[in-house]
Amino acid sequence: MLSKRIAATAAAFAFAGLSAGAGVATAGDEVLVDGSYSTVAACQTDGPEVQIAQDNDRYSNWECREGDDGLYYLYLTN
């Protein structure tokens, strides 16, 4: 299941890059990768394994943050 989520995340990032930022935000030294985690534990499970299709080597850290909607969002940072 983890590899499917990673593949889906990479595909979503690549698609968003082609469709002018549909769902993936970038801000300086971070990128929002996924926002479908209902618990911080689930987000932290995927954090170390997440890779993105473009500029993956640019990001060396990850972080889970809770959004206003109660879901946890995975960010890659450097």
N, C-alpha and C. Protein backbone atom coordinates (compact mmCIF):
# COMPACT_ATOMS: atom_id res chain seq x y z
N MET A 1 0.82 -1.18 0.00
CA MET A 1 0.00 0.00 0.00
C MET A 1 0.87 1.25 0.00
N LEU A 2 1.98 1.21 0.71
CA LEU A 2 2.86 2.37 0.77
C LEU A 2 3.39 2.73 -0.59
N SER A 3 3.81 1.74 -1.38
CA SER A 3 4.35 2.05 -2.71
C SER A 3 3.26 2.61 -3.61
N LYS A 4 2.01 2.19 -3.44
CA LYS A 4 0.92 2.76 -4.23
C LYS A 4 0.72 4.22 -3.86
N ARG A 5 0.81 4.53 -2.58
CA ARG A 5 0.63 5.91 -2.13
C ARG A 5 1.77 6.79 -2.66
N ILE A 6 2.99 6.25 -2.64
CA ILE A 6 4.13 7.00 -3.15
C ILE A 6 3.96 7.25 -4.65
N ALA A 7 3.57 6.22 -5.37
CA ALA A 7 3.35 6.37 -6.81
C ALA A 7 2.23 7.38 -7.08
N ALA A 8 1.17 7.30 -6.31
CA ALA A 8 0.06 8.24 -6.49
C ALA A 8 0.49 9.66 -6.17
N THR A 9 1.30 9.81 -5.14
CA THR A 9 1.80 11.13 -4.77
C THR A 9 2.68 11.70 -5.87
N ALA A 10 3.57 10.89 -6.39
CA ALA A 10 4.45 11.35 -7.47
C ALA A 10 3.64 11.70 -8.71
N ALA A 11 2.65 10.90 -9.04
CA ALA A 11 1.82 11.18 -10.20
C ALA A 11 1.02 12.46 -9.99
N ALA A 12 0.50 12.65 -8.79
CA ALA A 12 -0.25 13.87 -8.51
C ALA A 12 0.63 15.10 -8.61
N PHE A 13 1.84 14.99 -8.11
CA PHE A 13 2.77 16.12 -8.19
C PHE A 13 3.11 16.43 -9.64
N ALA A 14 3.38 15.43 -10.43
CA ALA A 14 3.71 15.65 -11.84
C ALA A 14 2.53 16.25 -12.58
N PHE A 15 1.32 15.75 -12.32
CA PHE A 15 0.13 16.29 -12.97
C PHE A 15 -0.11 17.73 -12.56
N ALA A 16 0.06 18.02 -11.28
CA ALA A 16 -0.16 19.38 -10.79
C ALA A 16 0.81 20.36 -11.43
N GLY A 17 2.02 19.90 -11.67
CA GLY A 17 2.99 20.77 -12.33
C GLY A 17 2.56 21.12 -13.73
N LEU A 18 1.82 20.23 -14.37
CA LEU A 18 1.33 20.48 -15.72
C LEU A 18 0.03 21.26 -15.72
N SER A 19 -0.68 21.25 -14.63
CA SER A 19 -1.98 21.92 -14.60
C SER A 19 -1.98 23.12 -13.65
N ALA A 20 -0.89 23.83 -13.60
CA ALA A 20 -0.77 25.11 -12.88
C ALA A 20 -1.10 25.01 -11.39
N GLY A 21 -0.54 24.03 -10.72
CA GLY A 21 -0.64 23.95 -9.27
C GLY A 21 -1.95 23.42 -8.73
N ALA A 22 -2.58 22.51 -9.40
CA ALA A 22 -3.84 21.95 -8.92
C ALA A 22 -3.61 21.05 -7.72
N GLY A 23 -3.64 21.60 -6.50
CA GLY A 23 -3.57 20.80 -5.30
C GLY A 23 -2.19 20.66 -4.69
N VAL A 24 -1.15 21.08 -5.34
CA VAL A 24 0.19 21.00 -4.77
C VAL A 24 0.75 22.40 -4.68
N ALA A 25 1.06 22.82 -3.47
CA ALA A 25 1.56 24.18 -3.28
C ALA A 25 3.06 24.17 -3.05
N THR A 26 3.71 25.15 -3.57
CA THR A 26 5.14 25.31 -3.28
C THR A 26 5.35 26.69 -2.68
N ALA A 27 6.27 26.77 -1.77
CA ALA A 27 6.59 28.04 -1.14
C ALA A 27 8.05 28.02 -0.74
N GLY A 28 8.88 28.59 -1.57
CA GLY A 28 10.30 28.68 -1.26
C GLY A 28 10.96 27.34 -1.13
N ASP A 29 11.24 26.92 0.09
CA ASP A 29 12.00 25.72 0.35
C ASP A 29 11.15 24.55 0.83
N GLU A 30 9.88 24.51 0.45
CA GLU A 30 9.04 23.39 0.85
C GLU A 30 8.00 23.12 -0.23
N VAL A 31 7.49 21.89 -0.20
CA VAL A 31 6.43 21.50 -1.12
C VAL A 31 5.42 20.65 -0.36
N LEU A 32 4.14 20.96 -0.54
CA LEU A 32 3.06 20.18 0.05
C LEU A 32 2.86 18.95 -0.82
N VAL A 33 3.02 17.78 -0.23
CA VAL A 33 2.97 16.54 -1.00
C VAL A 33 1.61 15.88 -0.93
N ASP A 34 1.02 15.76 0.24
CA ASP A 34 -0.20 15.00 0.38
C ASP A 34 -1.00 15.56 1.54
N GLY A 35 -2.33 15.51 1.45
CA GLY A 35 -3.14 16.03 2.53
C GLY A 35 -4.28 15.12 2.90
N SER A 36 -4.06 13.83 2.80
CA SER A 36 -5.16 12.90 3.05
C SER A 36 -4.95 12.05 4.29
N TYR A 37 -4.24 12.53 5.26
CA TYR A 37 -3.96 11.74 6.46
C TYR A 37 -4.90 12.15 7.58
N SER A 38 -5.58 11.19 8.16
CA SER A 38 -6.50 11.49 9.25
C SER A 38 -5.80 11.53 10.61
N THR A 39 -4.59 10.96 10.68
CA THR A 39 -3.82 11.00 11.93
C THR A 39 -2.38 11.40 11.64
N VAL A 40 -1.74 11.96 12.65
CA VAL A 40 -0.34 12.33 12.49
C VAL A 40 0.52 11.08 12.32
N ALA A 41 0.13 9.98 12.97
CA ALA A 41 0.89 8.73 12.87
C ALA A 41 0.91 8.21 11.44
N ALA A 42 -0.22 8.30 10.75
CA ALA A 42 -0.28 7.86 9.35
C ALA A 42 0.61 8.72 8.47
N CYS A 43 0.61 10.01 8.71
CA CYS A 43 1.47 10.94 7.97
C CYS A 43 2.94 10.62 8.23
N GLN A 44 3.28 10.40 9.48
CA GLN A 44 4.67 10.12 9.84
C GLN A 44 5.15 8.78 9.30
N THR A 45 4.26 7.85 9.09
CA THR A 45 4.63 6.57 8.50
C THR A 45 5.11 6.75 7.07
N ASP A 46 4.44 7.60 6.31
CA ASP A 46 4.81 7.83 4.91
C ASP A 46 5.96 8.82 4.74
N GLY A 47 6.13 9.72 5.69
CA GLY A 47 7.12 10.79 5.56
C GLY A 47 8.49 10.37 5.08
N PRO A 48 9.12 9.39 5.71
CA PRO A 48 10.48 9.01 5.31
C PRO A 48 10.56 8.38 3.91
N GLU A 49 9.46 7.87 3.40
CA GLU A 49 9.47 7.15 2.12
C GLU A 49 9.00 7.97 0.92
N VAL A 50 8.43 9.13 1.16
CA VAL A 50 7.83 9.91 0.07
C VAL A 50 8.91 10.46 -0.86
N GLN A 51 8.63 10.32 -2.13
CA GLN A 51 9.47 10.90 -3.18
C GLN A 51 8.57 11.62 -4.16
N ILE A 52 9.07 12.66 -4.77
CA ILE A 52 8.30 13.38 -5.77
C ILE A 52 8.98 13.26 -7.12
N ALA A 53 8.22 13.49 -8.17
CA ALA A 53 8.71 13.27 -9.52
C ALA A 53 9.71 14.33 -9.97
N GLN A 54 9.57 15.53 -9.49
CA GLN A 54 10.42 16.63 -9.94
C GLN A 54 11.19 17.21 -8.75
N ASP A 55 12.48 17.36 -8.90
CA ASP A 55 13.34 17.96 -7.87
C ASP A 55 13.34 17.21 -6.54
N ASN A 56 13.18 15.90 -6.57
CA ASN A 56 13.16 15.12 -5.33
C ASN A 56 14.44 15.31 -4.53
N ASP A 57 15.58 15.40 -5.19
CA ASP A 57 16.85 15.54 -4.48
C ASP A 57 17.00 16.88 -3.78
N ARG A 58 16.15 17.82 -4.11
CA ARG A 58 16.22 19.15 -3.52
C ARG A 58 15.72 19.17 -2.07
N TYR A 59 14.91 18.18 -1.71
CA TYR A 59 14.29 18.17 -0.38
C TYR A 59 14.88 17.04 0.47
N SER A 60 15.43 17.39 1.62
CA SER A 60 16.10 16.40 2.46
C SER A 60 15.34 16.10 3.76
N ASN A 61 14.30 16.84 4.06
CA ASN A 61 13.53 16.65 5.28
C ASN A 61 12.04 16.59 4.97
N TRP A 62 11.28 16.10 5.90
CA TRP A 62 9.83 16.09 5.78
C TRP A 62 9.21 16.49 7.10
N GLU A 63 7.95 16.91 7.02
CA GLU A 63 7.26 17.38 8.21
C GLU A 63 5.75 17.19 8.03
N CYS A 64 5.07 16.76 9.08
CA CYS A 64 3.62 16.63 9.06
C CYS A 64 3.03 17.79 9.85
N ARG A 65 2.04 18.45 9.25
CA ARG A 65 1.38 19.58 9.91
C ARG A 65 -0.13 19.39 9.86
N GLU A 66 -0.79 19.76 10.95
CA GLU A 66 -2.24 19.68 10.98
C GLU A 66 -2.84 20.92 10.33
N GLY A 67 -3.79 20.70 9.44
CA GLY A 67 -4.47 21.80 8.78
C GLY A 67 -5.72 22.22 9.55
N ASP A 68 -6.32 23.31 9.10
CA ASP A 68 -7.54 23.82 9.73
C ASP A 68 -8.70 22.83 9.63
N ASP A 69 -8.62 21.91 8.69
CA ASP A 69 -9.68 20.93 8.48
C ASP A 69 -9.51 19.67 9.33
N GLY A 70 -8.46 19.63 10.16
CA GLY A 70 -8.22 18.48 11.03
C GLY A 70 -7.41 17.37 10.40
N LEU A 71 -7.12 17.47 9.10
CA LEU A 71 -6.28 16.49 8.42
C LEU A 71 -4.81 16.88 8.58
N TYR A 72 -3.94 15.91 8.38
CA TYR A 72 -2.50 16.16 8.46
C TYR A 72 -1.93 16.21 7.05
N TYR A 73 -1.05 17.16 6.82
CA TYR A 73 -0.47 17.39 5.50
C TYR A 73 1.03 17.13 5.57
N LEU A 74 1.54 16.48 4.55
CA LEU A 74 2.96 16.10 4.48
C LEU A 74 3.70 17.11 3.60
N TYR A 75 4.71 17.73 4.17
CA TYR A 75 5.53 18.69 3.45
C TYR A 75 6.95 18.15 3.33
N LEU A 76 7.55 18.34 2.18
CA LEU A 76 8.99 18.11 2.02
C LEU A 76 9.67 19.46 2.16
N THR A 77 10.76 19.49 2.90
CA THR A 77 11.48 20.73 3.14
C THR A 77 12.98 20.50 2.94
N ASN A 78 13.71 21.58 2.91
CA ASN A 78 15.18 21.45 2.87
C ASN A 78 15.82 22.38 3.85
